[in-house]
Amino acid sequence: MSFRSQISKLSMGAVALATLSLLTPSAQAAAPESSDPIKIALFDWTSVNLNAKILGGILEKLGYTVEYPTADYLSSLTTGLTNGDLDVGLEFWDTTAGEAMKASDATGQTERLGKLGPKAKEEWWFPEYMKEKCPGLPNWEALKDPKCAEAFSTAETAPKGRYLGGPVTWEGFDDERVEALKLPFTVIHAGTDAAMFAELESAYQRKAPIMLWIYSPHWAPAKYKGEWVQFPEYTPECYNDPKWGVNPDAKYDCGKPHGEIWKYSWSGMKDKWPVAYKVAKAYTIDTDELNKMSGDIDLGGKTPEDVAAAWIAAHEADWKAWAQ
């Protein structure tokens, strides 16, 4: 090869490298800014863990390392997300985490990343067939009737009614609500989310009495025919001022708040992993889609990883745009 040919070949290579650098700025930008793992919280219900696996799967596609620590729902807002144990949490509900979110915001060490998309509702729920035994429902005052309460009783609570609450880590003030509204009910807390819905399935099939905590978004309100109890409408004063409401001597004499579902991150995420931060802020999901996918896991036996992978594949254009 002549000297001139060698020079020409080297020049062409240099041009090709320069051209490649001009054509692929997004690929360079997508390189992880840090190899440290991004820790996305898992909690104790299906939809939040599915959302974690979707966001984590997207970040892995973008080259990040992701870990999934199991965390406590409420305390994660003021501990895990502030001390480095967690970097992202994807479902903090206005219905139960309002006070914890305020405390988290006050630390200055977390950031509210925006709304997940679905609206949050959590309340006492009963199957429609129970109206025959307590015809005043869904009005909460029907529950004060000893005969109605007894219709919801079990051997462990009779003659009081039994209310199956969520795991104690969810809080929700149901014990306080029973006392404030003078309801002849005993609150029994389910050990896990799965146990709560397994008990609902068993009772529903037998048309047995059950009153329990049902939340939305979730597949249960679509699968089972029933209603939420209509308590006095929530206001902030109900939770903070005993003089408000039907019981002038007690707080929590109302229903639970409704509202949004929020995403949170450690405040340093935007500087350490700016592209991952952009994706986490942009990530939203449709309510019906989330309900269906949660049902695919809980009822259809699919794994969260498989359902998440299908969503990621179907929405590739969306999450690639979020990363720009």
Protein backbone atom coordinates (compact mmCIF):
# COMPACT_ATOMS: atom_id res chain seq x y z
CA MET A 1 0.00 0.00 0.00
CA SER A 2 1.38 3.41 -0.95
CA PHE A 3 2.04 6.09 1.64
CA ARG A 4 -0.66 8.24 0.04
CA SER A 5 -3.18 5.37 0.36
CA GLN A 6 -2.33 4.91 4.01
CA ILE A 7 -2.84 8.62 4.67
CA SER A 8 -6.13 8.51 2.78
CA LYS A 9 -7.34 5.52 4.80
CA LEU A 10 -6.39 7.18 8.07
CA SER A 11 -8.18 10.33 7.02
CA MET A 12 -11.31 8.38 6.13
CA GLY A 13 -11.19 6.69 9.53
CA ALA A 14 -10.92 10.02 11.29
CA VAL A 15 -13.87 11.36 9.31
CA ALA A 16 -15.89 8.24 10.15
CA LEU A 17 -15.15 8.61 13.86
CA ALA A 18 -16.07 12.28 13.78
CA THR A 19 -19.28 11.49 11.92
CA LEU A 20 -20.17 8.73 14.40
CA SER A 21 -19.68 11.11 17.31
CA LEU A 22 -22.05 13.57 15.64
CA LEU A 23 -24.67 10.92 14.91
CA THR A 24 -24.84 9.30 18.33
CA PRO A 25 -25.02 12.02 21.02
CA SER A 26 -28.10 10.37 22.55
CA ALA A 27 -26.29 7.07 22.89
CA GLN A 28 -23.46 8.84 24.71
CA ALA A 29 -25.91 10.72 26.92
CA ALA A 30 -27.65 7.46 27.81
CA ALA A 31 -24.53 6.02 29.38
CA PRO A 32 -25.10 5.70 33.14
CA GLU A 33 -23.69 8.67 35.01
CA SER A 34 -22.86 6.40 37.95
CA SER A 35 -22.47 2.64 38.20
CA ASP A 36 -23.96 2.65 41.71
CA PRO A 37 -27.29 0.77 41.83
CA ILE A 38 -30.52 2.73 41.79
CA LYS A 39 -32.63 1.32 44.62
CA ILE A 40 -36.38 1.21 43.89
CA ALA A 41 -38.62 0.32 46.84
CA LEU A 42 -40.84 -2.75 46.98
CA PHE A 43 -43.80 -2.61 49.38
CA ASP A 44 -46.47 -5.13 50.29
CA TRP A 45 -49.03 -4.87 47.49
CA THR A 46 -49.03 -5.88 43.85
CA SER A 47 -49.38 -2.66 41.86
CA VAL A 48 -46.51 -0.82 43.55
CA ASN A 49 -44.15 -3.74 42.96
CA LEU A 50 -45.26 -3.97 39.34
CA ASN A 51 -44.57 -0.26 38.88
CA ALA A 52 -41.16 -0.73 40.49
CA LYS A 53 -40.31 -3.53 38.07
CA ILE A 54 -41.49 -1.50 35.08
CA LEU A 55 -39.42 1.56 36.00
CA GLY A 56 -36.47 -0.62 36.99
CA GLY A 57 -36.69 -2.56 33.74
CA ILE A 58 -36.66 0.67 31.74
CA LEU A 59 -33.60 1.92 33.63
CA GLU A 60 -31.84 -1.39 33.05
CA LYS A 61 -32.53 -1.02 29.30
CA LEU A 62 -30.81 2.36 29.55
CA GLY A 63 -27.76 0.74 31.13
CA TYR A 64 -28.34 1.38 34.82
CA THR A 65 -27.89 -1.11 37.64
CA VAL A 66 -31.10 -1.50 39.66
CA GLU A 67 -31.82 -3.07 43.03
CA TYR A 68 -35.21 -3.65 44.70
CA PRO A 69 -35.04 -3.41 48.51
CA THR A 70 -38.18 -4.32 50.43
CA ALA A 71 -39.18 -1.35 52.58
CA ASP A 72 -41.83 -0.15 55.02
CA TYR A 73 -44.46 1.93 53.24
CA LEU A 74 -44.77 4.96 55.50
CA SER A 75 -41.43 5.10 57.28
CA SER A 76 -39.60 4.87 53.95
CA LEU A 77 -40.59 8.49 53.33
CA THR A 78 -38.62 9.74 56.32
CA THR A 79 -35.93 7.08 56.62
CA GLY A 80 -35.13 5.00 53.53
CA LEU A 81 -35.43 7.87 51.06
CA THR A 82 -33.40 10.17 53.30
CA ASN A 83 -30.61 7.86 54.52
CA GLY A 84 -29.54 6.23 51.25
CA ASP A 85 -31.36 2.92 51.64
CA LEU A 86 -33.77 3.89 48.84
CA ASP A 87 -33.62 6.14 45.80
CA VAL A 88 -37.17 5.88 44.43
CA GLY A 89 -40.65 4.97 45.72
CA LEU A 90 -43.52 4.84 43.25
CA GLU A 91 -46.81 4.73 45.15
CA PHE A 92 -47.49 7.02 48.08
CA TRP A 93 -51.23 7.47 48.41
CA ASP A 94 -52.93 10.66 49.63
CA THR A 95 -55.44 8.36 51.32
CA THR A 96 -52.96 6.92 53.83
CA ALA A 97 -49.57 8.62 53.43
CA GLY A 98 -50.60 12.28 53.56
CA GLU A 99 -49.01 13.04 56.93
CA ALA A 100 -45.91 10.99 56.16
CA MET A 101 -45.45 12.86 52.87
CA LYS A 102 -45.64 16.21 54.66
CA ALA A 103 -42.99 15.01 57.11
CA SER A 104 -40.86 13.80 54.21
CA ASP A 105 -41.17 17.10 52.37
CA ALA A 106 -40.07 18.92 55.52
CA THR A 107 -36.76 17.02 55.65
CA GLY A 108 -35.56 18.62 52.41
CA GLN A 109 -33.88 15.31 51.61
CA THR A 110 -36.60 13.91 49.33
CA GLU A 111 -38.34 15.14 46.22
CA ARG A 112 -41.92 14.62 45.16
CA LEU A 113 -41.56 13.52 41.54
CA GLY A 114 -45.18 14.06 40.54
CA LYS A 115 -48.35 12.03 40.13
CA LEU A 116 -48.32 8.40 39.05
CA GLY A 117 -51.62 8.86 37.20
CA PRO A 118 -54.42 6.85 38.86
CA LYS A 119 -56.64 8.46 41.50
CA ALA A 120 -56.52 6.93 44.97
CA LYS A 121 -59.54 5.65 46.91
CA GLU A 122 -59.43 3.43 50.00
CA GLU A 123 -62.41 2.72 52.24
CA TRP A 124 -64.52 0.12 54.00
CA TRP A 125 -66.16 -2.13 51.40
CA PHE A 126 -68.87 -4.81 51.54
CA PRO A 127 -70.33 -7.27 49.01
CA GLU A 128 -73.73 -6.35 47.59
CA TYR A 129 -75.34 -9.47 49.09
CA MET A 130 -74.79 -8.03 52.59
CA LYS A 131 -77.40 -5.33 51.94
CA GLU A 132 -80.12 -7.91 52.60
CA LYS A 133 -78.88 -8.23 56.18
CA CYS A 134 -78.07 -4.53 56.62
CA PRO A 135 -80.48 -2.63 54.34
CA GLY A 136 -79.34 0.82 55.50
CA LEU A 137 -76.02 0.44 53.70
CA PRO A 138 -74.02 2.10 52.23
CA ASN A 139 -74.79 4.85 54.77
CA TRP A 140 -72.28 4.43 57.63
CA GLU A 141 -74.98 5.00 60.27
CA ALA A 142 -76.47 1.62 59.39
CA LEU A 143 -73.38 0.06 60.97
CA LYS A 144 -74.40 1.43 64.39
CA ASP A 145 -77.39 -0.92 64.47
CA PRO A 146 -76.41 -3.91 66.65
CA LYS A 147 -78.28 -6.26 64.29
CA CYS A 148 -76.35 -4.95 61.31
CA ALA A 149 -73.05 -5.22 63.18
CA GLU A 150 -73.89 -8.78 64.20
CA ALA A 151 -74.56 -9.65 60.56
CA PHE A 152 -70.88 -8.84 59.91
CA SER A 153 -69.65 -10.73 62.97
CA THR A 154 -67.55 -13.87 63.18
CA ALA A 155 -66.97 -16.27 66.05
CA GLU A 156 -63.99 -14.20 67.21
CA THR A 157 -65.87 -10.87 67.29
CA ALA A 158 -69.57 -11.67 67.95
CA PRO A 159 -71.79 -9.86 68.68
CA LYS A 160 -69.63 -7.08 67.27
CA GLY A 161 -69.06 -6.85 63.56
CA ARG A 162 -65.66 -7.69 62.11
CA TYR A 163 -63.80 -5.25 59.91
CA LEU A 164 -60.78 -6.65 58.07
CA GLY A 165 -58.27 -3.85 57.77
CA GLY A 166 -55.06 -3.72 55.78
CA PRO A 167 -51.68 -4.61 57.24
CA VAL A 168 -50.84 -2.42 60.23
CA THR A 169 -48.06 -0.70 58.27
CA TRP A 170 -50.70 0.93 56.07
CA GLU A 171 -52.22 2.74 59.07
CA GLY A 172 -55.45 4.39 57.83
CA PHE A 173 -56.83 5.12 61.34
CA ASP A 174 -59.53 2.45 61.24
CA ASP A 175 -59.25 1.65 64.95
CA GLU A 176 -59.63 5.35 65.72
CA ARG A 177 -62.54 5.63 63.25
CA VAL A 178 -64.44 2.81 64.97
CA GLU A 179 -64.01 4.49 68.34
CA ALA A 180 -64.80 8.02 67.14
CA LEU A 181 -67.98 6.94 65.32
CA LYS A 182 -68.97 4.53 68.13
CA LEU A 183 -69.30 1.59 65.76
CA PRO A 184 -69.90 -1.85 67.33
CA PHE A 185 -67.07 -3.34 65.26
CA THR A 186 -63.72 -4.97 65.98
CA VAL A 187 -60.83 -4.18 63.66
CA ILE A 188 -58.75 -7.18 62.62
CA HIS A 189 -55.65 -6.40 60.55
CA ALA A 190 -54.68 -8.71 57.71
CA GLY A 191 -51.12 -9.92 57.81
CA THR A 192 -50.56 -9.24 54.12
CA ASP A 193 -52.30 -7.77 51.12
CA ALA A 194 -52.56 -11.25 49.57
CA ALA A 195 -54.14 -12.70 52.72
CA MET A 196 -56.75 -9.93 52.76
CA PHE A 197 -57.90 -10.64 49.21
CA ALA A 198 -57.75 -14.39 49.68
CA GLU A 199 -60.20 -13.97 52.55
CA LEU A 200 -62.46 -11.82 50.38
CA GLU A 201 -62.47 -14.48 47.65
CA SER A 202 -63.37 -17.20 50.14
CA ALA A 203 -66.17 -15.18 51.74
CA TYR A 204 -67.57 -14.00 48.42
CA GLN A 205 -67.81 -17.52 47.03
CA ARG A 206 -69.74 -18.65 50.13
CA LYS A 207 -71.76 -15.41 50.44
CA ALA A 208 -70.34 -15.18 53.93
CA PRO A 209 -70.26 -11.89 55.87
CA ILE A 210 -67.26 -9.69 55.23
CA MET A 211 -66.42 -6.01 55.57
CA LEU A 212 -62.91 -5.05 54.57
CA TRP A 213 -60.50 -2.45 53.27
CA ILE A 214 -60.67 -2.25 49.47
CA TYR A 215 -58.56 0.19 47.52
CA SER A 216 -58.52 1.50 43.98
CA PRO A 217 -56.68 1.26 41.62
CA HIS A 218 -57.08 -2.50 42.03
CA TRP A 219 -58.79 -5.34 40.20
CA ALA A 220 -61.11 -6.22 43.12
CA PRO A 221 -63.80 -3.53 42.57
CA ALA A 222 -64.23 -4.84 39.02
CA LYS A 223 -64.26 -8.53 39.94
CA TYR A 224 -66.57 -8.35 42.95
CA LYS A 225 -69.96 -6.64 43.10
CA GLY A 226 -70.18 -4.39 46.13
CA GLU A 227 -69.96 -0.86 47.49
CA TRP A 228 -67.84 1.35 49.70
CA VAL A 229 -69.37 2.58 52.96
CA GLN A 230 -70.31 6.25 52.79
CA PHE A 231 -68.74 7.88 55.83
CA PRO A 232 -68.85 11.62 56.56
CA GLU A 233 -66.67 13.26 53.93
CA TYR A 234 -63.04 13.71 54.90
CA THR A 235 -61.61 17.15 55.59
CA PRO A 236 -58.20 17.95 57.12
CA GLU A 237 -60.02 19.25 60.21
CA CYS A 238 -61.48 15.80 60.80
CA TYR A 239 -57.99 14.39 61.34
CA ASN A 240 -56.70 17.36 63.33
CA ASP A 241 -59.55 18.96 65.29
CA PRO A 242 -61.65 16.83 67.67
CA LYS A 243 -64.43 19.45 67.66
CA TRP A 244 -65.03 18.94 63.96
CA GLY A 245 -67.65 16.40 62.94
CA VAL A 246 -70.27 14.20 64.55
CA ASN A 247 -68.16 13.43 67.64
CA PRO A 248 -66.94 16.67 69.28
CA ASP A 249 -64.53 14.73 71.49
CA ALA A 250 -62.63 12.69 68.91
CA LYS A 251 -60.67 12.98 65.70
CA TYR A 252 -61.12 10.61 62.73
CA ASP A 253 -64.93 10.73 62.79
CA CYS A 254 -65.04 10.72 58.99
CA GLY A 255 -63.99 8.64 56.01
CA LYS A 256 -60.53 8.42 54.52
CA PRO A 257 -59.20 11.09 52.19
CA HIS A 258 -59.26 10.53 48.45
CA GLY A 259 -56.65 11.99 46.15
CA GLU A 260 -53.53 11.30 44.16
CA ILE A 261 -50.79 8.69 44.14
CA TRP A 262 -47.33 10.27 44.27
CA LYS A 263 -43.81 9.27 43.28
CA TYR A 264 -40.84 10.20 45.48
CA SER A 265 -37.08 10.13 45.17
CA TRP A 266 -34.01 10.84 47.23
CA SER A 267 -33.20 14.50 46.59
CA GLY A 268 -29.74 13.69 45.24
CA MET A 269 -31.04 11.52 42.43
CA LYS A 270 -31.32 14.37 39.92
CA ASP A 271 -27.60 15.13 40.25
CA LYS A 272 -26.27 11.58 40.51
CA TRP A 273 -28.41 9.98 37.77
CA PRO A 274 -29.97 12.86 35.77
CA VAL A 275 -31.35 10.74 32.91
CA ALA A 276 -32.83 8.13 35.29
CA TYR A 277 -34.32 11.02 37.26
CA LYS A 278 -35.98 12.38 34.10
CA VAL A 279 -37.46 8.97 33.36
CA ALA A 280 -38.77 8.54 36.92
CA LYS A 281 -40.39 11.99 36.79
CA ALA A 282 -41.98 11.30 33.42
CA TYR A 283 -43.22 7.80 34.26
CA THR A 284 -47.02 7.52 34.47
CA ILE A 285 -49.43 4.66 33.95
CA ASP A 286 -53.09 4.31 32.98
CA THR A 287 -55.54 3.19 35.69
CA ASP A 288 -57.30 0.52 33.63
CA GLU A 289 -53.99 -0.80 32.37
CA LEU A 290 -52.61 -1.01 35.90
CA ASN A 291 -55.74 -2.80 37.16
CA LYS A 292 -55.57 -5.34 34.35
CA MET A 293 -51.88 -6.04 34.85
CA SER A 294 -52.31 -6.40 38.63
CA GLY A 295 -55.08 -8.91 37.94
CA ASP A 296 -52.82 -10.78 35.53
CA ILE A 297 -50.42 -11.25 38.45
CA ASP A 298 -52.83 -11.90 41.33
CA LEU A 299 -55.45 -13.85 39.41
CA GLY A 300 -53.67 -15.06 36.29
CA GLY A 301 -50.51 -16.32 37.92
CA LYS A 302 -48.10 -14.23 35.87
CA THR A 303 -44.92 -12.88 37.44
CA PRO A 304 -44.40 -9.14 37.95
CA GLU A 305 -41.22 -9.43 35.88
CA ASP A 306 -43.04 -10.93 32.89
CA VAL A 307 -45.87 -8.42 33.03
CA ALA A 308 -43.40 -5.55 33.38
CA ALA A 309 -41.34 -6.80 30.43
CA ALA A 310 -44.45 -6.87 28.22
CA TRP A 311 -45.34 -3.28 29.19
CA ILE A 312 -41.78 -2.10 28.54
CA ALA A 313 -41.77 -3.71 25.09
CA ALA A 314 -45.17 -2.23 24.19
CA HIS A 315 -44.22 1.30 25.34
CA GLU A 316 -40.66 1.50 24.04
CA ALA A 317 -41.27 4.72 22.12
CA ASP A 318 -42.63 6.39 25.26
CA TRP A 319 -39.79 5.60 27.62
CA LYS A 320 -37.14 6.32 25.02
CA ALA A 321 -38.67 9.78 24.65
CA TRP A 322 -38.63 10.23 28.44
CA ALA A 323 -34.86 9.62 28.44
CA GLN A 324 -34.09 12.34 25.86
